[in-house]
Amino acid sequence: MRPAGALVAGVVLGSLSMKTRSIWAGFLVHATVAVLMDLLALDHRHELPTRLTPDSSVRLAFPYTSAVLFGVWVLAVTGLAFAFWRRHKRNAKVAL
């Protein structure tokens, strides 16, 4: 199943690159997805770091990690919905 996901992601990122005529949008999407996947996996396993460094006495206490990750997900979905709505609105004007 992984090759199919990689193929879909490649087509999506390639299309984004061709549309924007730059690799930077695809790079930002790829980096954002990678970081969010890592954070969500660590959060799911309850293994997010609790110290700044392994030898540090500074403890990281942020009880709202899940809420922040959910908020980022909601913002991403809202941005996609807005982009699709804007494209639909623009295509409706062209059709008339």
N, C-alpha and C. Protein backbone atom coordinates (compact mmCIF):
# COMPACT_ATOMS: atom_id res chain seq x y z
N MET A 1 0.82 -1.20 0.00
CA MET A 1 0.00 0.00 0.00
C MET A 1 0.86 1.26 0.00
N ARG A 2 2.08 1.18 0.52
CA ARG A 2 2.94 2.36 0.57
C ARG A 2 3.28 2.92 -0.80
N PRO A 3 3.60 2.09 -1.79
CA PRO A 3 3.92 2.66 -3.10
C PRO A 3 2.75 3.45 -3.69
N ALA A 4 1.52 3.01 -3.44
CA ALA A 4 0.36 3.74 -3.96
C ALA A 4 0.26 5.12 -3.30
N GLY A 5 0.52 5.19 -2.00
CA GLY A 5 0.49 6.48 -1.31
C GLY A 5 1.59 7.40 -1.79
N ALA A 6 2.77 6.82 -2.04
CA ALA A 6 3.88 7.62 -2.55
C ALA A 6 3.57 8.12 -3.96
N LEU A 7 2.91 7.30 -4.74
CA LEU A 7 2.54 7.70 -6.10
C LEU A 7 1.54 8.86 -6.06
N VAL A 8 0.54 8.75 -5.21
CA VAL A 8 -0.46 9.82 -5.08
C VAL A 8 0.21 11.11 -4.58
N ALA A 9 1.04 10.98 -3.56
CA ALA A 9 1.73 12.17 -3.02
C ALA A 9 2.63 12.79 -4.08
N GLY A 10 3.31 11.95 -4.86
CA GLY A 10 4.17 12.47 -5.92
C GLY A 10 3.40 13.23 -6.98
N VAL A 11 2.23 12.70 -7.34
CA VAL A 11 1.39 13.38 -8.34
C VAL A 11 0.89 14.71 -7.78
N VAL A 12 0.45 14.70 -6.52
CA VAL A 12 -0.07 15.92 -5.91
C VAL A 12 1.04 16.98 -5.80
N LEU A 13 2.19 16.59 -5.28
CA LEU A 13 3.28 17.55 -5.12
C LEU A 13 3.82 18.00 -6.47
N GLY A 14 3.87 17.09 -7.44
CA GLY A 14 4.30 17.47 -8.78
C GLY A 14 3.34 18.45 -9.43
N SER A 15 2.04 18.20 -9.27
CA SER A 15 1.03 19.12 -9.81
C SER A 15 1.14 20.49 -9.16
N LEU A 16 1.35 20.50 -7.85
CA LEU A 16 1.51 21.77 -7.13
C LEU A 16 2.73 22.51 -7.65
N SER A 17 3.80 21.78 -7.88
CA SER A 17 5.03 22.37 -8.39
C SER A 17 4.82 22.96 -9.79
N MET A 18 4.11 22.22 -10.63
CA MET A 18 3.87 22.72 -11.99
C MET A 18 2.94 23.93 -11.98
N LYS A 19 1.94 23.91 -11.09
CA LYS A 19 0.99 25.03 -11.06
C LYS A 19 1.66 26.30 -10.54
N THR A 20 2.49 26.17 -9.50
CA THR A 20 3.13 27.35 -8.92
C THR A 20 4.45 27.69 -9.61
N ARG A 21 4.94 26.80 -10.45
CA ARG A 21 6.21 26.96 -11.16
C ARG A 21 7.38 27.15 -10.19
N SER A 22 7.28 26.47 -9.04
CA SER A 22 8.32 26.52 -8.03
C SER A 22 8.22 25.25 -7.19
N ILE A 23 9.35 24.83 -6.63
CA ILE A 23 9.32 23.65 -5.77
C ILE A 23 9.02 24.01 -4.32
N TRP A 24 9.00 25.28 -3.97
CA TRP A 24 8.90 25.68 -2.57
C TRP A 24 7.55 25.37 -1.94
N ALA A 25 6.47 25.48 -2.67
CA ALA A 25 5.16 25.13 -2.10
C ALA A 25 5.12 23.64 -1.78
N GLY A 26 5.61 22.81 -2.69
CA GLY A 26 5.67 21.38 -2.44
C GLY A 26 6.59 21.04 -1.29
N PHE A 27 7.72 21.74 -1.22
CA PHE A 27 8.65 21.54 -0.10
C PHE A 27 7.97 21.85 1.23
N LEU A 28 7.24 22.97 1.30
CA LEU A 28 6.56 23.34 2.54
C LEU A 28 5.47 22.34 2.91
N VAL A 29 4.72 21.88 1.91
CA VAL A 29 3.69 20.87 2.18
C VAL A 29 4.34 19.59 2.69
N HIS A 30 5.40 19.15 2.03
CA HIS A 30 6.08 17.93 2.42
C HIS A 30 6.64 18.04 3.84
N ALA A 31 7.29 19.14 4.15
CA ALA A 31 7.88 19.33 5.47
C ALA A 31 6.80 19.40 6.55
N THR A 32 5.72 20.10 6.26
CA THR A 32 4.63 20.22 7.23
C THR A 32 4.00 18.87 7.52
N VAL A 33 3.74 18.10 6.48
CA VAL A 33 3.15 16.77 6.67
C VAL A 33 4.10 15.88 7.46
N ALA A 34 5.38 15.93 7.16
CA ALA A 34 6.36 15.09 7.87
C ALA A 34 6.41 15.44 9.35
N VAL A 35 6.48 16.71 9.67
CA VAL A 35 6.55 17.13 11.08
C VAL A 35 5.26 16.76 11.81
N LEU A 36 4.12 17.03 11.19
CA LEU A 36 2.85 16.69 11.84
C LEU A 36 2.69 15.19 12.04
N MET A 37 3.12 14.39 11.06
CA MET A 37 3.02 12.93 11.23
C MET A 37 3.90 12.46 12.38
N ASP A 38 5.10 13.01 12.49
CA ASP A 38 5.97 12.63 13.61
C ASP A 38 5.37 13.04 14.95
N LEU A 39 4.88 14.27 15.02
CA LEU A 39 4.28 14.73 16.28
C LEU A 39 3.04 13.93 16.65
N LEU A 40 2.20 13.64 15.68
CA LEU A 40 1.00 12.85 15.96
C LEU A 40 1.33 11.43 16.39
N ALA A 41 2.35 10.83 15.77
CA ALA A 41 2.76 9.47 16.15
C ALA A 41 3.30 9.46 17.57
N LEU A 42 4.15 10.44 17.91
CA LEU A 42 4.68 10.52 19.27
C LEU A 42 3.58 10.79 20.29
N ASP A 43 2.65 11.66 19.94
CA ASP A 43 1.54 11.97 20.84
C ASP A 43 0.66 10.74 21.04
N HIS A 44 0.42 9.99 19.99
CA HIS A 44 -0.42 8.80 20.09
C HIS A 44 0.21 7.75 21.01
N ARG A 45 1.53 7.66 20.98
CA ARG A 45 2.23 6.69 21.83
C ARG A 45 2.58 7.27 23.20
N HIS A 46 2.16 8.50 23.46
CA HIS A 46 2.46 9.21 24.71
C HIS A 46 3.97 9.26 24.96
N GLU A 47 4.73 9.57 23.90
CA GLU A 47 6.19 9.64 24.01
C GLU A 47 6.75 10.98 23.57
N LEU A 48 5.95 12.03 23.65
CA LEU A 48 6.49 13.35 23.37
C LEU A 48 7.54 13.69 24.42
N PRO A 49 8.59 14.39 24.05
CA PRO A 49 9.66 14.70 25.02
C PRO A 49 9.14 15.50 26.21
N THR A 50 9.69 15.21 27.37
CA THR A 50 9.31 15.96 28.58
C THR A 50 10.46 16.81 29.09
N ARG A 51 11.62 16.68 28.48
CA ARG A 51 12.78 17.50 28.85
C ARG A 51 13.32 18.19 27.62
N LEU A 52 13.90 19.35 27.80
CA LEU A 52 14.45 20.13 26.70
C LEU A 52 15.61 19.40 26.03
N THR A 53 16.51 18.83 26.85
CA THR A 53 17.60 17.98 26.36
C THR A 53 17.68 16.78 27.31
N PRO A 54 18.36 15.70 26.93
CA PRO A 54 18.41 14.54 27.83
C PRO A 54 19.01 14.84 29.20
N ASP A 55 19.98 15.75 29.28
CA ASP A 55 20.61 16.07 30.57
C ASP A 55 20.01 17.31 31.23
N SER A 56 19.00 17.87 30.66
CA SER A 56 18.44 19.12 31.15
C SER A 56 17.55 18.91 32.37
N SER A 57 17.55 19.91 33.23
CA SER A 57 16.63 19.88 34.35
C SER A 57 15.34 20.62 34.01
N VAL A 58 15.34 21.29 32.86
CA VAL A 58 14.16 22.02 32.41
C VAL A 58 13.14 21.01 31.89
N ARG A 59 11.94 21.05 32.46
CA ARG A 59 10.90 20.12 32.05
C ARG A 59 9.89 20.85 31.16
N LEU A 60 9.48 20.17 30.12
CA LEU A 60 8.48 20.71 29.23
C LEU A 60 7.11 20.25 29.70
N ALA A 61 6.28 21.17 30.06
CA ALA A 61 4.94 20.82 30.51
C ALA A 61 3.94 21.57 29.64
N PHE A 62 3.36 20.87 28.69
CA PHE A 62 2.37 21.47 27.82
C PHE A 62 1.21 20.50 27.67
N PRO A 63 0.20 20.64 28.51
CA PRO A 63 -0.88 19.65 28.52
C PRO A 63 -1.83 19.75 27.32
N TYR A 64 -1.68 20.75 26.47
CA TYR A 64 -2.64 20.96 25.40
C TYR A 64 -2.08 20.57 24.03
N THR A 65 -1.13 19.66 23.99
CA THR A 65 -0.50 19.25 22.73
C THR A 65 -1.54 18.72 21.75
N SER A 66 -2.42 17.85 22.21
CA SER A 66 -3.44 17.27 21.33
C SER A 66 -4.35 18.35 20.77
N ALA A 67 -4.71 19.31 21.59
CA ALA A 67 -5.59 20.40 21.13
C ALA A 67 -4.90 21.25 20.07
N VAL A 68 -3.61 21.52 20.25
CA VAL A 68 -2.87 22.31 19.26
C VAL A 68 -2.75 21.55 17.94
N LEU A 69 -2.42 20.26 18.02
CA LEU A 69 -2.32 19.46 16.80
C LEU A 69 -3.67 19.37 16.09
N PHE A 70 -4.74 19.23 16.85
CA PHE A 70 -6.07 19.21 16.25
C PHE A 70 -6.38 20.56 15.60
N GLY A 71 -6.00 21.65 16.24
CA GLY A 71 -6.21 22.98 15.67
C GLY A 71 -5.46 23.17 14.37
N VAL A 72 -4.23 22.67 14.31
CA VAL A 72 -3.45 22.75 13.07
C VAL A 72 -4.14 21.96 11.97
N TRP A 73 -4.65 20.78 12.32
CA TRP A 73 -5.37 19.95 11.35
C TRP A 73 -6.62 20.68 10.84
N VAL A 74 -7.37 21.30 11.74
CA VAL A 74 -8.57 22.04 11.35
C VAL A 74 -8.21 23.21 10.43
N LEU A 75 -7.14 23.92 10.74
CA LEU A 75 -6.71 25.02 9.87
C LEU A 75 -6.32 24.52 8.48
N ALA A 76 -5.64 23.38 8.41
CA ALA A 76 -5.25 22.83 7.11
C ALA A 76 -6.47 22.45 6.30
N VAL A 77 -7.43 21.79 6.92
CA VAL A 77 -8.65 21.39 6.21
C VAL A 77 -9.45 22.62 5.79
N THR A 78 -9.51 23.62 6.64
CA THR A 78 -10.22 24.86 6.30
C THR A 78 -9.54 25.55 5.12
N GLY A 79 -8.22 25.58 5.11
CA GLY A 79 -7.50 26.18 3.99
C GLY A 79 -7.76 25.44 2.69
N LEU A 80 -7.78 24.13 2.74
CA LEU A 80 -8.09 23.35 1.54
C LEU A 80 -9.52 23.62 1.07
N ALA A 81 -10.46 23.64 2.00
CA ALA A 81 -11.85 23.90 1.63
C ALA A 81 -11.98 25.29 1.00
N PHE A 82 -11.30 26.27 1.55
CA PHE A 82 -11.35 27.62 0.99
C PHE A 82 -10.76 27.65 -0.41
N ALA A 83 -9.64 26.95 -0.61
CA ALA A 83 -9.01 26.92 -1.93
C ALA A 83 -9.93 26.26 -2.95
N PHE A 84 -10.58 25.17 -2.59
CA PHE A 84 -11.51 24.52 -3.51
C PHE A 84 -12.72 25.40 -3.80
N TRP A 85 -13.21 26.10 -2.76
CA TRP A 85 -14.36 26.98 -2.95
C TRP A 85 -14.00 28.12 -3.89
N ARG A 86 -12.80 28.69 -3.71
CA ARG A 86 -12.36 29.78 -4.56
C ARG A 86 -12.18 29.32 -6.01
N ARG A 87 -11.63 28.14 -6.19
CA ARG A 87 -11.47 27.61 -7.54
C ARG A 87 -12.84 27.36 -8.18
N HIS A 88 -13.77 26.82 -7.42
CA HIS A 88 -15.12 26.57 -7.95
C HIS A 88 -15.80 27.88 -8.33
N LYS A 89 -15.64 28.89 -7.51
CA LYS A 89 -16.23 30.20 -7.78
C LYS A 89 -15.63 30.80 -9.05
N ARG A 90 -14.31 30.69 -9.20
CA ARG A 90 -13.64 31.22 -10.40
C ARG A 90 -14.06 30.46 -11.65
N ASN A 91 -14.18 29.13 -11.57
CA ASN A 91 -14.61 28.34 -12.72
C ASN A 91 -16.06 28.61 -13.09
N ALA A 92 -16.89 28.93 -12.11
CA ALA A 92 -18.29 29.26 -12.39
C ALA A 92 -18.38 30.57 -13.17
N LYS A 93 -17.51 31.54 -12.85
CA LYS A 93 -17.50 32.81 -13.59
C LYS A 93 -17.05 32.61 -15.02
N VAL A 94 -16.05 31.74 -15.22
CA VAL A 94 -15.54 31.50 -16.56
C VAL A 94 -16.59 30.80 -17.41
N ALA A 95 -17.38 29.90 -16.82
CA ALA A 95 -18.41 29.15 -17.56
C ALA A 95 -19.54 30.06 -18.00
N LEU A 96 -19.77 31.15 -17.28
CA LEU A 96 -20.87 32.06 -17.64
C LEU A 96 -20.46 32.96 -18.72
